[in-house]
PDB file of N, CA and C in Angstrom:
ATOM      1  N   MET A   1     157.958  15.441-141.870  1.00  0.00           N
ATOM      2  CA  MET A   1     157.930  14.007-141.649  1.00  0.00           C
ATOM      3  C   MET A   1     159.314  13.452-141.906  1.00  0.00           C
ATOM      4  N   SER A   2     159.769  12.553-141.103  1.00  0.00           N
ATOM      5  CA  SER A   2     161.112  12.004-141.251  1.00  0.00           C
ATOM      6  C   SER A   2     161.102  10.856-142.250  1.00  0.00           C
ATOM      7  N   GLY A   3     162.290  10.505-142.725  1.00  0.00           N
ATOM      8  CA  GLY A   3     162.412   9.417-143.679  1.00  0.00           C
ATOM      9  C   GLY A   3     162.421   8.051-143.016  1.00  0.00           C
ATOM     10  N   ASP A   4     162.526   7.984-141.702  1.00  0.00           N
ATOM     11  CA  ASP A   4     162.542   6.714-140.983  1.00  0.00           C
ATOM     12  C   ASP A   4     161.125   6.202-140.829  1.00  0.00           C
ATOM     13  N   LYS A   5     160.859   5.033-141.409  1.00  0.00           N
ATOM     14  CA  LYS A   5     159.516   4.472-141.301  1.00  0.00           C
ATOM     15  C   LYS A   5     159.272   3.844-139.939  1.00  0.00           C
ATOM     16  N   GLY A   6     160.325   3.482-139.235  1.00  0.00           N
ATOM     17  CA  GLY A   6     160.163   2.844-137.938  1.00  0.00           C
ATOM     18  C   GLY A   6     159.903   3.821-136.810  1.00  0.00           C
ATOM     19  N   VAL A   7     160.050   5.121-137.070  1.00  0.00           N
ATOM     20  CA  VAL A   7     159.853   6.133-136.041  1.00  0.00           C
ATOM     21  C   VAL A   7     158.473   6.733-136.206  1.00  0.00           C
ATOM     22  N   GLU A   8     157.672   6.641-135.150  1.00  0.00           N
ATOM     23  CA  GLU A   8     156.329   7.212-135.203  1.00  0.00           C
ATOM     24  C   GLU A   8     156.372   8.638-134.699  1.00  0.00           C
ATOM     25  N   GLU A   9     155.915   9.543-135.526  1.00  0.00           N
ATOM     26  CA  GLU A   9     155.862  10.943-135.115  1.00  0.00           C
ATOM     27  C   GLU A   9     154.508  11.212-134.486  1.00  0.00           C
ATOM     28  N   SER A  10     154.519  12.053-133.493  1.00  0.00           N
ATOM     29  CA  SER A  10     153.254  12.426-132.868  1.00  0.00           C
ATOM     30  C   SER A  10     153.091  13.922-132.970  1.00  0.00           C
ATOM     31  N   GLY A  11     151.873  14.337-133.022  1.00  0.00           N
ATOM     32  CA  GLY A  11     151.556  15.750-133.121  1.00  0.00           C
ATOM     33  C   GLY A  11     150.092  15.940-132.838  1.00  0.00           C
ATOM     34  N   PRO A  12     149.543  17.079-133.246  1.00  0.00           N
ATOM     35  CA  PRO A  12     148.138  17.340-132.972  1.00  0.00           C
ATOM     36  C   PRO A  12     147.207  16.268-133.527  1.00  0.00           C
ATOM     37  N   ALA A  13     147.532  15.711-134.698  1.00  0.00           N
ATOM     38  CA  ALA A  13     146.655  14.717-135.298  1.00  0.00           C
ATOM     39  C   ALA A  13     147.088  13.293-134.978  1.00  0.00           C
ATOM     40  N   GLY A  14     148.318  13.111-134.527  1.00  0.00           N
ATOM     41  CA  GLY A  14     148.840  11.774-134.281  1.00  0.00           C
ATOM     42  C   GLY A  14     148.698  11.349-132.840  1.00  0.00           C
ATOM     43  N   PRO A  15     148.912  10.069-132.584  1.00  0.00           N
ATOM     44  CA  PRO A  15     148.799   9.569-131.207  1.00  0.00           C
ATOM     45  C   PRO A  15     149.955  10.067-130.353  1.00  0.00           C
ATOM     46  N   THR A  16     149.681  10.229-129.094  1.00  0.00           N
ATOM     47  CA  THR A  16     150.719  10.624-128.149  1.00  0.00           C
ATOM     48  C   THR A  16     150.739   9.629-127.006  1.00  0.00           C
ATOM     49  N   GLU A  17     151.833   9.611-126.283  1.00  0.00           N
ATOM     50  CA  GLU A  17     151.950   8.699-125.151  1.00  0.00           C
ATOM     51  C   GLU A  17     150.925   9.039-124.077  1.00  0.00           C
ATOM     52  N   ALA A  18     150.712  10.334-123.840  1.00  0.00           N
ATOM     53  CA  ALA A  18     149.736  10.750-122.825  1.00  0.00           C
ATOM     54  C   ALA A  18     148.338  10.314-123.218  1.00  0.00           C
ATOM     55  N   ALA A  19     147.996  10.428-124.492  1.00  0.00           N
ATOM     56  CA  ALA A  19     146.667  10.016-124.946  1.00  0.00           C
ATOM     57  C   ALA A  19     146.485   8.517-124.758  1.00  0.00           C
ATOM     58  N   ALA A  20     147.516   7.740-125.041  1.00  0.00           N
ATOM     59  CA  ALA A  20     147.431   6.294-124.860  1.00  0.00           C
ATOM     60  C   ALA A  20     147.231   5.949-123.394  1.00  0.00           C
ATOM     61  N   GLU A  21     147.919   6.654-122.500  1.00  0.00           N
ATOM     62  CA  GLU A  21     147.742   6.415-121.065  1.00  0.00           C
ATOM     63  C   GLU A  21     146.325   6.754-120.635  1.00  0.00           C
ATOM     64  N   ASN A  22     145.789   7.870-121.127  1.00  0.00           N
ATOM     65  CA  ASN A  22     144.451   8.301-120.739  1.00  0.00           C
ATOM     66  C   ASN A  22     143.388   7.329-121.212  1.00  0.00           C
ATOM     67  N   GLU A  23     143.587   6.681-122.347  1.00  0.00           N
ATOM     68  CA  GLU A  23     142.610   5.735-122.855  1.00  0.00           C
ATOM     69  C   GLU A  23     142.527   4.493-121.984  1.00  0.00           C
ATOM     70  N   GLU A  24     143.617   4.140-121.336  1.00  0.00           N
ATOM     71  CA  GLU A  24     143.651   2.937-120.523  1.00  0.00           C
ATOM     72  C   GLU A  24     142.990   3.127-119.160  1.00  0.00           C
ATOM     73  N   VAL A  25     142.835   4.348-118.711  1.00  0.00           N
ATOM     74  CA  VAL A  25     142.280   4.628-117.394  1.00  0.00           C
ATOM     75  C   VAL A  25     140.784   4.888-117.529  1.00  0.00           C
ATOM     76  N   LEU A  26     139.995   4.171-116.763  1.00  0.00           N
ATOM     77  CA  LEU A  26     138.549   4.349-116.776  1.00  0.00           C
ATOM     78  C   LEU A  26     138.146   5.426-115.779  1.00  0.00           C
ATOM     79  N   LEU A  27     137.028   6.060-116.047  1.00  0.00           N
ATOM     80  CA  LEU A  27     136.528   7.100-115.152  1.00  0.00           C
ATOM     81  C   LEU A  27     136.310   6.552-113.746  1.00  0.00           C
ATOM     82  N   ASP A  28     135.798   5.345-113.651  1.00  0.00           N
ATOM     83  CA  ASP A  28     135.571   4.747-112.330  1.00  0.00           C
ATOM     84  C   ASP A  28     136.874   4.581-111.551  1.00  0.00           C
ATOM     85  N   ASP A  29     137.972   4.363-112.264  1.00  0.00           N
ATOM     86  CA  ASP A  29     139.272   4.247-111.602  1.00  0.00           C
ATOM     87  C   ASP A  29     139.762   5.599-111.094  1.00  0.00           C
ATOM     88  N   LEU A  30     139.407   6.668-111.802  1.00  0.00           N
ATOM     89  CA  LEU A  30     139.857   8.009-111.424  1.00  0.00           C
ATOM     90  C   LEU A  30     138.989   8.647-110.342  1.00  0.00           C
ATOM     91  N   ARG A  31     137.761   8.190-110.205  1.00  0.00           N
ATOM     92  CA  ARG A  31     136.809   8.830-109.296  1.00  0.00           C
ATOM     93  C   ARG A  31     137.315   8.959-107.860  1.00  0.00           C
ATOM     94  N   PRO A  32     137.853   7.922-107.213  1.00  0.00           N
ATOM     95  CA  PRO A  32     138.343   8.083-105.831  1.00  0.00           C
ATOM     96  C   PRO A  32     139.460   9.115-105.721  1.00  0.00           C
ATOM     97  N   GLN A  33     140.382   9.118-106.682  1.00  0.00           N
ATOM     98  CA  GLN A  33     141.470  10.101-106.667  1.00  0.00           C
ATOM     99  C   GLN A  33     140.905  11.512-106.843  1.00  0.00           C
ATOM    100  N   PHE A  34     139.934  11.653-107.725  1.00  0.00           N
ATOM    101  CA  PHE A  34     139.306  12.952-107.964  1.00  0.00           C
ATOM    102  C   PHE A  34     138.613  13.455-106.694  1.00  0.00           C
ATOM    103  N   TYR A  35     137.881  12.587-106.012  1.00  0.00           N
ATOM    104  CA  TYR A  35     137.204  12.981-104.774  1.00  0.00           C
ATOM    105  C   TYR A  35     138.208  13.410-103.705  1.00  0.00           C
ATOM    106  N   ARG A  36     139.333  12.691-103.592  1.00  0.00           N
ATOM    107  CA  ARG A  36     140.364  13.080-102.621  1.00  0.00           C
ATOM    108  C   ARG A  36     140.948  14.445-102.968  1.00  0.00           C
ATOM    109  N   MET A  37     141.166  14.691-104.262  1.00  0.00           N
ATOM    110  CA  MET A  37     141.711  15.990-104.677  1.00  0.00           C
ATOM    111  C   MET A  37     140.742  17.113-104.321  1.00  0.00           C
ATOM    112  N   ILE A  38     139.449  16.893-104.540  1.00  0.00           N
ATOM    113  CA  ILE A  38     138.455  17.918-104.217  1.00  0.00           C
ATOM    114  C   ILE A  38     138.428  18.166-102.714  1.00  0.00           C
ATOM    115  N   TYR A  39     138.474  17.098-101.931  1.00  0.00           N
ATOM    116  CA  TYR A  39     138.428  17.238-100.481  1.00  0.00           C
ATOM    117  C   TYR A  39     139.667  17.960 -99.962  1.00  0.00           C
ATOM    118  N   ASN A  40     140.833  17.595-100.474  1.00  0.00           N
ATOM    119  CA  ASN A  40     142.087  18.164 -99.989  1.00  0.00           C
ATOM    120  C   ASN A  40     142.441  19.497-100.625  1.00  0.00           C
ATOM    121  N   GLN A  41     141.955  19.751-101.820  1.00  0.00           N
ATOM    122  CA  GLN A  41     142.320  20.967-102.544  1.00  0.00           C
ATOM    123  C   GLN A  41     141.118  21.434-103.369  1.00  0.00           C
ATOM    124  N   PRO A  42     140.167  22.140-102.748  1.00  0.00           N
ATOM    125  CA  PRO A  42     138.944  22.552-103.457  1.00  0.00           C
ATOM    126  C   PRO A  42     139.189  23.409-104.699  1.00  0.00           C
ATOM    127  N   THR A  43     140.357  24.040-104.821  1.00  0.00           N
ATOM    128  CA  THR A  43     140.610  24.871-105.997  1.00  0.00           C
ATOM    129  C   THR A  43     140.684  24.051-107.278  1.00  0.00           C
ATOM    130  N   ILE A  44     140.783  22.718-107.158  1.00  0.00           N
ATOM    131  CA  ILE A  44     140.800  21.873-108.355  1.00  0.00           C
ATOM    132  C   ILE A  44     139.509  22.048-109.144  1.00  0.00           C
ATOM    133  N   ILE A  45     138.397  22.277-108.445  1.00  0.00           N
ATOM    134  CA  ILE A  45     137.112  22.484-109.125  1.00  0.00           C
ATOM    135  C   ILE A  45     137.195  23.708-110.026  1.00  0.00           C
ATOM    136  N   PHE A  46     137.752  24.790-109.518  1.00  0.00           N
ATOM    137  CA  PHE A  46     137.853  26.004-110.318  1.00  0.00           C
ATOM    138  C   PHE A  46     138.801  25.799-111.495  1.00  0.00           C
ATOM    139  N   SER A  47     139.878  25.073-111.290  1.00  0.00           N
ATOM    140  CA  SER A  47     140.811  24.789-112.388  1.00  0.00           C
ATOM    141  C   SER A  47     140.126  23.994-113.494  1.00  0.00           C
ATOM    142  N   ILE A  48     139.350  22.996-113.112  1.00  0.00           N
ATOM    143  CA  ILE A  48     138.623  22.195-114.094  1.00  0.00           C
ATOM    144  C   ILE A  48     137.591  23.061-114.806  1.00  0.00           C
ATOM    145  N   PHE A  49     136.912  23.931-114.071  1.00  0.00           N
ATOM    146  CA  PHE A  49     135.942  24.846-114.666  1.00  0.00           C
ATOM    147  C   PHE A  49     136.609  25.738-115.710  1.00  0.00           C
ATOM    148  N   GLU A  50     137.790  26.274-115.388  1.00  0.00           N
ATOM    149  CA  GLU A  50     138.513  27.129-116.333  1.00  0.00           C
ATOM    150  C   GLU A  50     138.896  26.365-117.595  1.00  0.00           C
ATOM    151  N   VAL A  51     139.356  25.139-117.436  1.00  0.00           N
ATOM    152  CA  VAL A  51     139.728  24.320-118.593  1.00  0.00           C
ATOM    153  C   VAL A  51     138.498  24.050-119.457  1.00  0.00           C
ATOM    154  N   LEU A  52     137.376  23.732-118.818  1.00  0.00           N
ATOM    155  CA  LEU A  52     136.139  23.482-119.554  1.00  0.00           C
ATOM    156  C   LEU A  52     135.696  24.724-120.321  1.00  0.00           C
ATOM    157  N   CYS A  53     135.748  25.878-119.672  1.00  0.00           N
ATOM    158  CA  CYS A  53     135.372  27.126-120.340  1.00  0.00           C
ATOM    159  C   CYS A  53     136.287  27.412-121.526  1.00  0.00           C
ATOM    160  N   GLU A  54     137.584  27.213-121.357  1.00  0.00           N
ATOM    161  CA  GLU A  54     138.526  27.437-122.461  1.00  0.00           C
ATOM    162  C   GLU A  54     138.231  26.501-123.628  1.00  0.00           C
ATOM    163  N   LEU A  55     137.901  25.261-123.327  1.00  0.00           N
ATOM    164  CA  LEU A  55     137.560  24.307-124.374  1.00  0.00           C
ATOM    165  C   LEU A  55     136.300  24.747-125.115  1.00  0.00           C
ATOM    166  N   LEU A  56     135.272  25.120-124.354  1.00  0.00           N
ATOM    167  CA  LEU A  56     134.019  25.554-124.977  1.00  0.00           C
ATOM    168  C   LEU A  56     134.203  26.825-125.791  1.00  0.00           C
ATOM    169  N   GLU A  57     135.021  27.750-125.299  1.00  0.00           N
ATOM    170  CA  GLU A  57     135.301  28.975-126.046  1.00  0.00           C
ATOM    171  C   GLU A  57     136.068  28.668-127.327  1.00  0.00           C
ATOM    172  N   SER A  58     137.049  27.790-127.257  1.00  0.00           N
ATOM    173  CA  SER A  58     137.858  27.472-128.442  1.00  0.00           C
ATOM    174  C   SER A  58     137.035  26.778-129.518  1.00  0.00           C
ATOM    175  N   ARG A  59     135.983  26.087-129.120  1.00  0.00           N
ATOM    176  CA  ARG A  59     135.125  25.395-130.085  1.00  0.00           C
ATOM    177  C   ARG A  59     133.930  26.234-130.512  1.00  0.00           C
ATOM    178  N   GLY A  60     133.839  27.449-129.989  1.00  0.00           N
ATOM    179  CA  GLY A  60     132.760  28.347-130.380  1.00  0.00           C
ATOM    180  C   GLY A  60     131.422  28.059-129.726  1.00  0.00           C
ATOM    181  N   VAL A  61     131.413  27.231-128.703  1.00  0.00           N
ATOM    182  CA  VAL A  61     130.178  26.894-127.999  1.00  0.00           C
ATOM    183  C   VAL A  61     129.816  27.986-127.002  1.00  0.00           C
ATOM    184  N   MET A  62     130.834  28.621-126.438  1.00  0.00           N
ATOM    185  CA  MET A  62     130.629  29.646-125.424  1.00  0.00           C
ATOM    186  C   MET A  62     131.432  30.882-125.805  1.00  0.00           C
ATOM    187  N   ARG A  63     130.816  32.045-125.618  1.00  0.00           N
ATOM    188  CA  ARG A  63     131.523  33.299-125.892  1.00  0.00           C
ATOM    189  C   ARG A  63     132.391  33.666-124.692  1.00  0.00           C
ATOM    190  N   PRO A  64     133.491  34.406-124.914  1.00  0.00           N
ATOM    191  CA  PRO A  64     134.418  34.748-123.827  1.00  0.00           C
ATOM    192  C   PRO A  64     133.752  35.420-122.620  1.00  0.00           C
ATOM    193  N   GLY A  65     132.782  36.295-122.790  1.00  0.00           N
ATOM    194  CA  GLY A  65     132.153  36.984-121.670  1.00  0.00           C
ATOM    195  C   GLY A  65     131.240  36.115-120.830  1.00  0.00           C
ATOM    196  N   GLU A  66     130.868  34.964-121.346  1.00  0.00           N
ATOM    197  CA  GLU A  66     129.938  34.099-120.616  1.00  0.00           C
ATOM    198  C   GLU A  66     130.581  33.430-119.405  1.00  0.00           C
ATOM    199  N   ARG A  67     131.882  33.290-119.403  1.00  0.00           N
ATOM    200  CA  ARG A  67     132.569  32.680-118.260  1.00  0.00           C
ATOM    201  C   ARG A  67     132.315  33.498-116.998  1.00  0.00           C
ATOM    202  N   GLU A  68     132.495  34.813-117.104  1.00  0.00           N
ATOM    203  CA  GLU A  68     132.276  35.688-115.948  1.00  0.00           C
ATOM    204  C   GLU A  68     130.816  35.634-115.498  1.00  0.00           C
ATOM    205  N   ALA A  69     129.897  35.561-116.453  1.00  0.00           N
ATOM    206  CA  ALA A  69     128.477  35.468-116.105  1.00  0.00           C
ATOM    207  C   ALA A  69     128.197  34.169-115.342  1.00  0.00           C
ATOM    208  N   LEU A  70     128.814  33.078-115.758  1.00  0.00           N
ATOM    209  CA  LEU A  70     128.642  31.808-115.047  1.00  0.00           C
ATOM    210  C   LEU A  70     129.192  31.885-113.628  1.00  0.00           C
ATOM    211  N   ILE A  71     130.336  32.518-113.477  1.00  0.00           N
ATOM    212  CA  ILE A  71     130.936  32.659-112.144  1.00  0.00           C
ATOM    213  C   ILE A  71     130.028  33.499-111.251  1.00  0.00           C
ATOM    214  N   ARG A  72     129.540  34.625-111.775  1.00  0.00           N
ATOM    215  CA  ARG A  72     128.639  35.483-110.980  1.00  0.00           C
ATOM    216  C   ARG A  72     127.371  34.736-110.584  1.00  0.00           C
ATOM    217  N   GLU A  73     126.790  33.992-111.521  1.00  0.00           N
ATOM    218  CA  GLU A  73     125.569  33.234-111.225  1.00  0.00           C
ATOM    219  C   GLU A  73     125.842  32.144-110.194  1.00  0.00           C
ATOM    220  N   GLY A  74     126.987  31.481-110.306  1.00  0.00           N
ATOM    221  CA  GLY A  74     127.345  30.460-109.321  1.00  0.00           C
ATOM    222  C   GLY A  74     127.493  31.040-107.925  1.00  0.00           C
ATOM    223  N   ILE A  75     128.133  32.202-107.827  1.00  0.00           N
ATOM    224  CA  ILE A  75     128.293  32.869-106.527  1.00  0.00           C
ATOM    225  C   ILE A  75     126.939  33.291-105.979  1.00  0.00           C
ATOM    226  N   ARG A  76     126.067  33.811-106.844  1.00  0.00           N
ATOM    227  CA  ARG A  76     124.730  34.225-106.408  1.00  0.00           C
ATOM    228  C   ARG A  76     123.954  33.033-105.854  1.00  0.00           C
ATOM    229  N   ARG A  77     123.989  31.914-106.567  1.00  0.00           N
ATOM    230  CA  ARG A  77     123.267  30.719-106.101  1.00  0.00           C
ATOM    231  C   ARG A  77     123.849  30.205-104.789  1.00  0.00           C
ATOM    232  N   TRP A  78     125.168  30.248-104.651  1.00  0.00           N
ATOM    233  CA  TRP A  78     125.808  29.806-103.416  1.00  0.00           C
ATOM    234  C   TRP A  78     125.365  30.687-102.254  1.00  0.00           C
ATOM    235  N   ARG A  79     125.352  32.006-102.462  1.00  0.00           N
ATOM    236  CA  ARG A  79     124.907  32.926-101.405  1.00  0.00           C
ATOM    237  C   ARG A  79     123.452  32.684-101.036  1.00  0.00           C
ATOM    238  N   ASP A  80     122.597  32.449-102.043  1.00  0.00           N
ATOM    239  CA  ASP A  80     121.187  32.159-101.768  1.00  0.00           C
ATOM    240  C   ASP A  80     121.043  30.886-100.944  1.00  0.00           C
ATOM    241  N   GLU A  81     121.830  29.885-101.267  1.00  0.00           N
ATOM    242  CA  GLU A  81     121.770  28.626-100.525  1.00  0.00           C
ATOM    243  C   GLU A  81     122.224  28.827 -99.081  1.00  0.00           C
ATOM    244  N   ILE A  82     123.294  29.585 -98.883  1.00  0.00           N
ATOM    245  CA  ILE A  82     123.793  29.858 -97.536  1.00  0.00           C
ATOM    246  C   ILE A  82     122.751  30.646 -96.743  1.00  0.00           C
ATOM    247  N   ALA A  83     122.092  31.594 -97.391  1.00  0.00           N
ATOM    248  CA  ALA A  83     121.102  32.441 -96.717  1.00  0.00           C
ATOM    249  C   ALA A  83     119.873  31.648 -96.274  1.00  0.00           C
ATOM    250  N   THR A  84     119.544  30.559 -96.970  1.00  0.00           N
ATOM    251  CA  THR A  84     118.348  29.790 -96.622  1.00  0.00           C
ATOM    252  C   THR A  84     118.622  28.718 -95.574  1.00  0.00           C
ATOM    253  N   ARG A  85     119.861  28.572 -95.155  1.00  0.00           N
ATOM    254  CA  ARG A  85     120.176  27.544 -94.147  1.00  0.00           C
ATOM    255  C   ARG A  85     119.811  28.007 -92.778  1.00  0.00           C
TER     256      ARG A  85
END
C-alpha cells in the first residue's frame, strides 16, 4: 500500500475501472450487441461457455472432467434434433 492517501489502489479486492464500467451497463443495453455478436460470430457462444466452465471449476461447483461431458451431451442433443427434422 502506498503512503499517498489521495491515490486509490485497485486489486483483486479493490474497485477497478473495468468493474465500474460494467456496473453502469444494464443487461438490456448489452442484449442487442450480444445478439449481433452471436449472429456474426457463433464462436462467441463457445467462448462464453468456456469462461463459465472455468468459473464454475474455480469455485468448486463443477469438476474439470464435467466440461467434456457437457460438450459431448450438447453435441448428442444437437445431432438428435437434426435427425428429427
